[in-house]
Amino acid sequence: GIRASIDTHSFPSLPIFEIIQKKGNISSRDMFNTFNMGLGLAMVVDSADVGTAMCTLTQLGEHPYLIGTCIEGDPGVDLW
């Protein structure tokens, strides 16, 4: 299987999500499951193509972040 390993500090967190989490006493896992923490879209590309993908997205006016990797394992997501 394939497992996503996501670095939760690799992209900026919007203040509204911090407020919601603190006021609602919501776990980080629940925040990611519910709100995706503001990440609108995730793309998975071969490691050899990361530079090209990041450059192309930037040229198109996007603000891409390298947020993690895909690894072998049970299907799911690890947040760290």
PDB file of N, CA and C in Angstrom:
ATOM      1  N   GLY A   1       0.817  -1.190   0.000  1.00  0.00           N
ATOM      2  CA  GLY A   1       0.000   0.000   0.000  1.00  0.00           C
ATOM      3  C   GLY A   1       0.861   1.253   0.000  1.00  0.00           C
ATOM      4  N   ILE A   2       0.202   2.353  -0.160  1.00  0.00           N
ATOM      5  CA  ILE A   2       0.869   3.665  -0.167  1.00  0.00           C
ATOM      6  C   ILE A   2       0.347   4.493   1.003  1.00  0.00           C
ATOM      7  N   ARG A   3       1.260   5.148   1.679  1.00  0.00           N
ATOM      8  CA  ARG A   3       0.940   5.981   2.833  1.00  0.00           C
ATOM      9  C   ARG A   3       1.524   7.370   2.603  1.00  0.00           C
ATOM     10  N   ALA A   4       0.766   8.400   2.922  1.00  0.00           N
ATOM     11  CA  ALA A   4       1.259   9.780   2.821  1.00  0.00           C
ATOM     12  C   ALA A   4       1.880  10.181   4.156  1.00  0.00           C
ATOM     13  N   SER A   5       3.040  10.782   4.093  1.00  0.00           N
ATOM     14  CA  SER A   5       3.725  11.298   5.273  1.00  0.00           C
ATOM     15  C   SER A   5       3.812  12.812   5.112  1.00  0.00           C
ATOM     16  N   ILE A   6       3.043  13.553   5.918  1.00  0.00           N
ATOM     17  CA  ILE A   6       2.882  14.997   5.747  1.00  0.00           C
ATOM     18  C   ILE A   6       3.554  15.764   6.884  1.00  0.00           C
ATOM     19  N   ASP A   7       4.416  16.714   6.520  1.00  0.00           N
ATOM     20  CA  ASP A   7       5.051  17.620   7.478  1.00  0.00           C
ATOM     21  C   ASP A   7       4.111  18.800   7.689  1.00  0.00           C
ATOM     22  N   THR A   8       3.447  18.845   8.832  1.00  0.00           N
ATOM     23  CA  THR A   8       2.438  19.878   9.090  1.00  0.00           C
ATOM     24  C   THR A   8       3.029  21.272   9.271  1.00  0.00           C
ATOM     25  N   HIS A   9       4.345  21.361   9.338  1.00  0.00           N
ATOM     26  CA  HIS A   9       4.995  22.671   9.481  1.00  0.00           C
ATOM     27  C   HIS A   9       5.601  23.152   8.161  1.00  0.00           C
ATOM     28  N   SER A  10       5.300  22.474   7.068  1.00  0.00           N
ATOM     29  CA  SER A  10       5.911  22.804   5.779  1.00  0.00           C
ATOM     30  C   SER A  10       5.129  23.845   4.981  1.00  0.00           C
ATOM     31  N   PHE A  11       4.032  24.322   5.534  1.00  0.00           N
ATOM     32  CA  PHE A  11       3.222  25.343   4.872  1.00  0.00           C
ATOM     33  C   PHE A  11       2.628  26.233   5.956  1.00  0.00           C
ATOM     34  N   PRO A  12       2.298  27.477   5.609  1.00  0.00           N
ATOM     35  CA  PRO A  12       1.785  28.391   6.635  1.00  0.00           C
ATOM     36  C   PRO A  12       0.383  27.997   7.093  1.00  0.00           C
ATOM     37  N   SER A  13       0.160  28.157   8.375  1.00  0.00           N
ATOM     38  CA  SER A  13      -1.166  27.913   8.945  1.00  0.00           C
ATOM     39  C   SER A  13      -1.892  29.250   9.057  1.00  0.00           C
ATOM     40  N   LEU A  14      -3.087  29.301   8.530  1.00  0.00           N
ATOM     41  CA  LEU A  14      -3.860  30.536   8.601  1.00  0.00           C
ATOM     42  C   LEU A  14      -4.360  30.760  10.028  1.00  0.00           C
ATOM     43  N   PRO A  15      -4.345  31.999  10.497  1.00  0.00           N
ATOM     44  CA  PRO A  15      -4.767  32.298  11.867  1.00  0.00           C
ATOM     45  C   PRO A  15      -6.168  31.787  12.206  1.00  0.00           C
ATOM     46  N   ILE A  16      -7.084  31.776  11.243  1.00  0.00           N
ATOM     47  CA  ILE A  16      -8.446  31.333  11.538  1.00  0.00           C
ATOM     48  C   ILE A  16      -8.469  29.887  12.010  1.00  0.00           C
ATOM     49  N   PHE A  17      -7.595  29.050  11.464  1.00  0.00           N
ATOM     50  CA  PHE A  17      -7.572  27.645  11.873  1.00  0.00           C
ATOM     51  C   PHE A  17      -7.030  27.492  13.292  1.00  0.00           C
ATOM     52  N   GLU A  18      -6.072  28.325  13.655  1.00  0.00           N
ATOM     53  CA  GLU A  18      -5.548  28.293  15.019  1.00  0.00           C
ATOM     54  C   GLU A  18      -6.623  28.726  16.013  1.00  0.00           C
ATOM     55  N   ILE A  19      -7.403  29.730  15.644  1.00  0.00           N
ATOM     56  CA  ILE A  19      -8.492  30.197  16.508  1.00  0.00           C
ATOM     57  C   ILE A  19      -9.537  29.100  16.682  1.00  0.00           C
ATOM     58  N   ILE A  20      -9.959  28.505  15.579  1.00  0.00           N
ATOM     59  CA  ILE A  20     -10.960  27.436  15.636  1.00  0.00           C
ATOM     60  C   ILE A  20     -10.462  26.288  16.510  1.00  0.00           C
ATOM     61  N   GLN A  21      -9.206  25.898  16.315  1.00  0.00           N
ATOM     62  CA  GLN A  21      -8.663  24.777  17.072  1.00  0.00           C
ATOM     63  C   GLN A  21      -8.617  25.076  18.567  1.00  0.00           C
ATOM     64  N   LYS A  22      -8.162  26.264  18.928  1.00  0.00           N
ATOM     65  CA  LYS A  22      -8.061  26.615  20.346  1.00  0.00           C
ATOM     66  C   LYS A  22      -9.432  26.801  20.985  1.00  0.00           C
ATOM     67  N   LYS A  23     -10.300  27.548  20.336  1.00  0.00           N
ATOM     68  CA  LYS A  23     -11.638  27.816  20.896  1.00  0.00           C
ATOM     69  C   LYS A  23     -12.468  26.541  20.997  1.00  0.00           C
ATOM     70  N   GLY A  24     -12.312  25.656  20.022  1.00  0.00           N
ATOM     71  CA  GLY A  24     -13.103  24.432  20.005  1.00  0.00           C
ATOM     72  C   GLY A  24     -12.428  23.243  20.657  1.00  0.00           C
ATOM     73  N   ASN A  25     -11.191  23.446  21.137  1.00  0.00           N
ATOM     74  CA  ASN A  25     -10.419  22.361  21.740  1.00  0.00           C
ATOM     75  C   ASN A  25     -10.406  21.138  20.805  1.00  0.00           C
ATOM     76  N   ILE A  26      -9.994  21.378  19.559  1.00  0.00           N
ATOM     77  CA  ILE A  26     -10.032  20.368  18.507  1.00  0.00           C
ATOM     78  C   ILE A  26      -8.617  19.841  18.255  1.00  0.00           C
ATOM     79  N   SER A  27      -8.487  18.544  18.134  1.00  0.00           N
ATOM     80  CA  SER A  27      -7.173  17.941  17.891  1.00  0.00           C
ATOM     81  C   SER A  27      -6.656  18.324  16.499  1.00  0.00           C
ATOM     82  N   SER A  28      -5.354  18.276  16.349  1.00  0.00           N
ATOM     83  CA  SER A  28      -4.754  18.578  15.043  1.00  0.00           C
ATOM     84  C   SER A  28      -5.246  17.597  13.988  1.00  0.00           C
ATOM     85  N   ARG A  29      -5.361  16.332  14.330  1.00  0.00           N
ATOM     86  CA  ARG A  29      -5.846  15.313  13.393  1.00  0.00           C
ATOM     87  C   ARG A  29      -7.246  15.680  12.910  1.00  0.00           C
ATOM     88  N   ASP A  30      -8.135  16.071  13.823  1.00  0.00           N
ATOM     89  CA  ASP A  30      -9.495  16.456  13.436  1.00  0.00           C
ATOM     90  C   ASP A  30      -9.500  17.722  12.586  1.00  0.00           C
ATOM     91  N   MET A  31      -8.603  18.655  12.882  1.00  0.00           N
ATOM     92  CA  MET A  31      -8.522  19.882  12.085  1.00  0.00           C
ATOM     93  C   MET A  31      -8.129  19.551  10.644  1.00  0.00           C
ATOM     94  N   PHE A  32      -7.147  18.672  10.473  1.00  0.00           N
ATOM     95  CA  PHE A  32      -6.731  18.291   9.122  1.00  0.00           C
ATOM     96  C   PHE A  32      -7.824  17.507   8.410  1.00  0.00           C
ATOM     97  N   ASN A  33      -8.475  16.601   9.119  1.00  0.00           N
ATOM     98  CA  ASN A  33      -9.543  15.810   8.499  1.00  0.00           C
ATOM     99  C   ASN A  33     -10.716  16.680   8.068  1.00  0.00           C
ATOM    100  N   THR A  34     -11.035  17.697   8.856  1.00  0.00           N
ATOM    101  CA  THR A  34     -12.202  18.534   8.586  1.00  0.00           C
ATOM    102  C   THR A  34     -11.894  19.680   7.628  1.00  0.00           C
ATOM    103  N   PHE A  35     -10.816  20.405   7.885  1.00  0.00           N
ATOM    104  CA  PHE A  35     -10.541  21.639   7.149  1.00  0.00           C
ATOM    105  C   PHE A  35      -9.386  21.537   6.163  1.00  0.00           C
ATOM    106  N   ASN A  36      -8.632  20.443   6.199  1.00  0.00           N
ATOM    107  CA  ASN A  36      -7.458  20.306   5.344  1.00  0.00           C
ATOM    108  C   ASN A  36      -6.468  21.444   5.603  1.00  0.00           C
ATOM    109  N   MET A  37      -6.691  22.167   6.667  1.00  0.00           N
ATOM    110  CA  MET A  37      -5.840  23.266   7.130  1.00  0.00           C
ATOM    111  C   MET A  37      -5.507  24.283   6.043  1.00  0.00           C
ATOM    112  N   GLY A  38      -6.454  24.484   5.146  1.00  0.00           N
ATOM    113  CA  GLY A  38      -6.302  25.513   4.131  1.00  0.00           C
ATOM    114  C   GLY A  38      -5.634  25.070   2.851  1.00  0.00           C
ATOM    115  N   LEU A  39      -5.146  23.839   2.820  1.00  0.00           N
ATOM    116  CA  LEU A  39      -4.544  23.341   1.579  1.00  0.00           C
ATOM    117  C   LEU A  39      -5.668  23.019   0.610  1.00  0.00           C
ATOM    118  N   GLY A  40      -5.689  23.722  -0.495  1.00  0.00           N
ATOM    119  CA  GLY A  40      -6.778  23.532  -1.441  1.00  0.00           C
ATOM    120  C   GLY A  40      -6.614  22.311  -2.321  1.00  0.00           C
ATOM    121  N   LEU A  41      -5.377  21.954  -2.629  1.00  0.00           N
ATOM    122  CA  LEU A  41      -5.135  20.861  -3.563  1.00  0.00           C
ATOM    123  C   LEU A  41      -3.778  20.247  -3.257  1.00  0.00           C
ATOM    124  N   ALA A  42      -3.711  18.948  -3.320  1.00  0.00           N
ATOM    125  CA  ALA A  42      -2.429  18.259  -3.181  1.00  0.00           C
ATOM    126  C   ALA A  42      -2.136  17.529  -4.482  1.00  0.00           C
ATOM    127  N   MET A  43      -0.918  17.679  -4.954  1.00  0.00           N
ATOM    128  CA  MET A  43      -0.465  16.967  -6.154  1.00  0.00           C
ATOM    129  C   MET A  43       0.613  15.982  -5.738  1.00  0.00           C
ATOM    130  N   VAL A  44       0.577  14.814  -6.312  1.00  0.00           N
ATOM    131  CA  VAL A  44       1.619  13.820  -6.074  1.00  0.00           C
ATOM    132  C   VAL A  44       2.395  13.661  -7.374  1.00  0.00           C
ATOM    133  N   VAL A  45       3.699  13.923  -7.301  1.00  0.00           N
ATOM    134  CA  VAL A  45       4.551  13.797  -8.484  1.00  0.00           C
ATOM    135  C   VAL A  45       5.773  12.955  -8.138  1.00  0.00           C
ATOM    136  N   ASP A  46       6.354  12.353  -9.136  1.00  0.00           N
ATOM    137  CA  ASP A  46       7.580  11.588  -8.958  1.00  0.00           C
ATOM    138  C   ASP A  46       8.659  12.510  -8.404  1.00  0.00           C
ATOM    139  N   SER A  47       9.501  11.985  -7.525  1.00  0.00           N
ATOM    140  CA  SER A  47      10.538  12.820  -6.910  1.00  0.00           C
ATOM    141  C   SER A  47      11.444  13.468  -7.949  1.00  0.00           C
ATOM    142  N   ALA A  48      11.629  12.831  -9.095  1.00  0.00           N
ATOM    143  CA  ALA A  48      12.456  13.403 -10.159  1.00  0.00           C
ATOM    144  C   ALA A  48      11.802  14.619 -10.806  1.00  0.00           C
ATOM    145  N   ASP A  49      10.497  14.782 -10.622  1.00  0.00           N
ATOM    146  CA  ASP A  49       9.758  15.871 -11.261  1.00  0.00           C
ATOM    147  C   ASP A  49       9.368  17.000 -10.313  1.00  0.00           C
ATOM    148  N   VAL A  50       9.781  16.917  -9.054  1.00  0.00           N
ATOM    149  CA  VAL A  50       9.376  17.921  -8.068  1.00  0.00           C
ATOM    150  C   VAL A  50       9.819  19.319  -8.480  1.00  0.00           C
ATOM    151  N   GLY A  51      11.069  19.483  -8.860  1.00  0.00           N
ATOM    152  CA  GLY A  51      11.580  20.803  -9.241  1.00  0.00           C
ATOM    153  C   GLY A  51      10.807  21.408 -10.396  1.00  0.00           C
ATOM    154  N   THR A  52      10.550  20.616 -11.408  1.00  0.00           N
ATOM    155  CA  THR A  52       9.797  21.090 -12.571  1.00  0.00           C
ATOM    156  C   THR A  52       8.378  21.474 -12.181  1.00  0.00           C
ATOM    157  N   ALA A  53       7.739  20.639 -11.373  1.00  0.00           N
ATOM    158  CA  ALA A  53       6.364  20.924 -10.949  1.00  0.00           C
ATOM    159  C   ALA A  53       6.302  22.208 -10.127  1.00  0.00           C
ATOM    160  N   MET A  54       7.232  22.378  -9.195  1.00  0.00           N
ATOM    161  CA  MET A  54       7.247  23.581  -8.351  1.00  0.00           C
ATOM    162  C   MET A  54       7.476  24.827  -9.205  1.00  0.00           C
ATOM    163  N   CYS A  55       8.409  24.752 -10.146  1.00  0.00           N
ATOM    164  CA  CYS A  55       8.718  25.880 -11.024  1.00  0.00           C
ATOM    165  C   CYS A  55       7.517  26.233 -11.897  1.00  0.00           C
ATOM    166  N   THR A  56       6.896  25.225 -12.491  1.00  0.00           N
ATOM    167  CA  THR A  56       5.744  25.457 -13.362  1.00  0.00           C
ATOM    168  C   THR A  56       4.594  26.087 -12.591  1.00  0.00           C
ATOM    169  N   LEU A  57       4.295  25.557 -11.417  1.00  0.00           N
ATOM    170  CA  LEU A  57       3.201  26.110 -10.609  1.00  0.00           C
ATOM    171  C   LEU A  57       3.491  27.555 -10.206  1.00  0.00           C
ATOM    172  N   THR A  58       4.728  27.842  -9.848  1.00  0.00           N
ATOM    173  CA  THR A  58       5.112  29.209  -9.488  1.00  0.00           C
ATOM    174  C   THR A  58       4.950  30.143 -10.682  1.00  0.00           C
ATOM    175  N   GLN A  59       5.374  29.704 -11.856  1.00  0.00           N
ATOM    176  CA  GLN A  59       5.229  30.521 -13.067  1.00  0.00           C
ATOM    177  C   GLN A  59       3.764  30.791 -13.395  1.00  0.00           C
ATOM    178  N   LEU A  60       2.891  29.896 -12.985  1.00  0.00           N
ATOM    179  CA  LEU A  60       1.452  30.067 -13.220  1.00  0.00           C
ATOM    180  C   LEU A  60       0.777  30.904 -12.133  1.00  0.00           C
ATOM    181  N   GLY A  61       1.579  31.429 -11.199  1.00  0.00           N
ATOM    182  CA  GLY A  61       1.039  32.295 -10.160  1.00  0.00           C
ATOM    183  C   GLY A  61       0.589  31.579  -8.900  1.00  0.00           C
ATOM    184  N   GLU A  62       0.880  30.304  -8.798  1.00  0.00           N
ATOM    185  CA  GLU A  62       0.517  29.544  -7.600  1.00  0.00           C
ATOM    186  C   GLU A  62       1.636  29.644  -6.573  1.00  0.00           C
ATOM    187  N   HIS A  63       1.338  29.218  -5.358  1.00  0.00           N
ATOM    188  CA  HIS A  63       2.311  29.227  -4.261  1.00  0.00           C
ATOM    189  C   HIS A  63       2.450  27.798  -3.734  1.00  0.00           C
ATOM    190  N   PRO A  64       3.217  26.965  -4.441  1.00  0.00           N
ATOM    191  CA  PRO A  64       3.304  25.554  -4.053  1.00  0.00           C
ATOM    192  C   PRO A  64       4.202  25.331  -2.836  1.00  0.00           C
ATOM    193  N   TYR A  65       3.902  24.272  -2.113  1.00  0.00           N
ATOM    194  CA  TYR A  65       4.701  23.848  -0.962  1.00  0.00           C
ATOM    195  C   TYR A  65       4.978  22.361  -1.111  1.00  0.00           C
ATOM    196  N   LEU A  66       6.176  21.958  -0.780  1.00  0.00           N
ATOM    197  CA  LEU A  66       6.505  20.538  -0.710  1.00  0.00           C
ATOM    198  C   LEU A  66       6.127  20.099   0.701  1.00  0.00           C
ATOM    199  N   ILE A  67       5.049  19.333   0.834  1.00  0.00           N
ATOM    200  CA  ILE A  67       4.497  19.050   2.161  1.00  0.00           C
ATOM    201  C   ILE A  67       4.784  17.646   2.671  1.00  0.00           C
ATOM    202  N   GLY A  68       5.336  16.777   1.841  1.00  0.00           N
ATOM    203  CA  GLY A  68       5.609  15.436   2.335  1.00  0.00           C
ATOM    204  C   GLY A  68       5.971  14.475   1.235  1.00  0.00           C
ATOM    205  N   THR A  69       5.879  13.209   1.574  1.00  0.00           N
ATOM    206  CA  THR A  69       6.234  12.146   0.649  1.00  0.00           C
ATOM    207  C   THR A  69       5.219  11.014   0.736  1.00  0.00           C
ATOM    208  N   CYS A  70       5.248  10.171  -0.271  1.00  0.00           N
ATOM    209  CA  CYS A  70       4.469   8.935  -0.253  1.00  0.00           C
ATOM    210  C   CYS A  70       5.440   7.804   0.035  1.00  0.00           C
ATOM    211  N   ILE A  71       5.046   6.932   0.948  1.00  0.00           N
ATOM    212  CA  ILE A  71       5.907   5.831   1.358  1.00  0.00           C
ATOM    213  C   ILE A  71       5.114   4.528   1.309  1.00  0.00           C
ATOM    214  N   GLU A  72       5.830   3.422   1.300  1.00  0.00           N
ATOM    215  CA  GLU A  72       5.155   2.126   1.370  1.00  0.00           C
ATOM    216  C   GLU A  72       4.628   1.926   2.778  1.00  0.00           C
ATOM    217  N   GLY A  73       3.453   1.331   2.872  1.00  0.00           N
ATOM    218  CA  GLY A  73       2.858   1.055   4.171  1.00  0.00           C
ATOM    219  C   GLY A  73       1.369   0.864   4.033  1.00  0.00           C
ATOM    220  N   ASP A  74       0.715   0.735   5.159  1.00  0.00           N
ATOM    221  CA  ASP A  74      -0.737   0.631   5.142  1.00  0.00           C
ATOM    222  C   ASP A  74      -1.308   1.935   4.610  1.00  0.00           C
ATOM    223  N   PRO A  75      -2.355   1.867   3.789  1.00  0.00           N
ATOM    224  CA  PRO A  75      -2.963   3.091   3.268  1.00  0.00           C
ATOM    225  C   PRO A  75      -3.367   4.028   4.409  1.00  0.00           C
ATOM    226  N   GLY A  76      -3.073   5.304   4.243  1.00  0.00           N
ATOM    227  CA  GLY A  76      -3.423   6.286   5.259  1.00  0.00           C
ATOM    228  C   GLY A  76      -2.505   7.486   5.200  1.00  0.00           C
ATOM    229  N   VAL A  77      -2.579   8.288   6.251  1.00  0.00           N
ATOM    230  CA  VAL A  77      -1.813   9.532   6.318  1.00  0.00           C
ATOM    231  C   VAL A  77      -1.155   9.650   7.684  1.00  0.00           C
ATOM    232  N   ASP A  78       0.130   9.983   7.688  1.00  0.00           N
ATOM    233  CA  ASP A  78       0.851  10.308   8.918  1.00  0.00           C
ATOM    234  C   ASP A  78       1.084  11.807   8.933  1.00  0.00           C
ATOM    235  N   LEU A  79       0.715  12.463  10.019  1.00  0.00           N
ATOM    236  CA  LEU A  79       0.960  13.896  10.198  1.00  0.00           C
ATOM    237  C   LEU A  79       2.066  14.055  11.218  1.00  0.00           C
ATOM    238  N   TRP A  80       3.075  14.870  10.889  1.00  0.00           N
ATOM    239  CA  TRP A  80       4.156  15.106  11.838  1.00  0.00           C
ATOM    240  C   TRP A  80       4.602  16.538  11.790  1.00  0.00           C
TER     241      TRP A  80
END
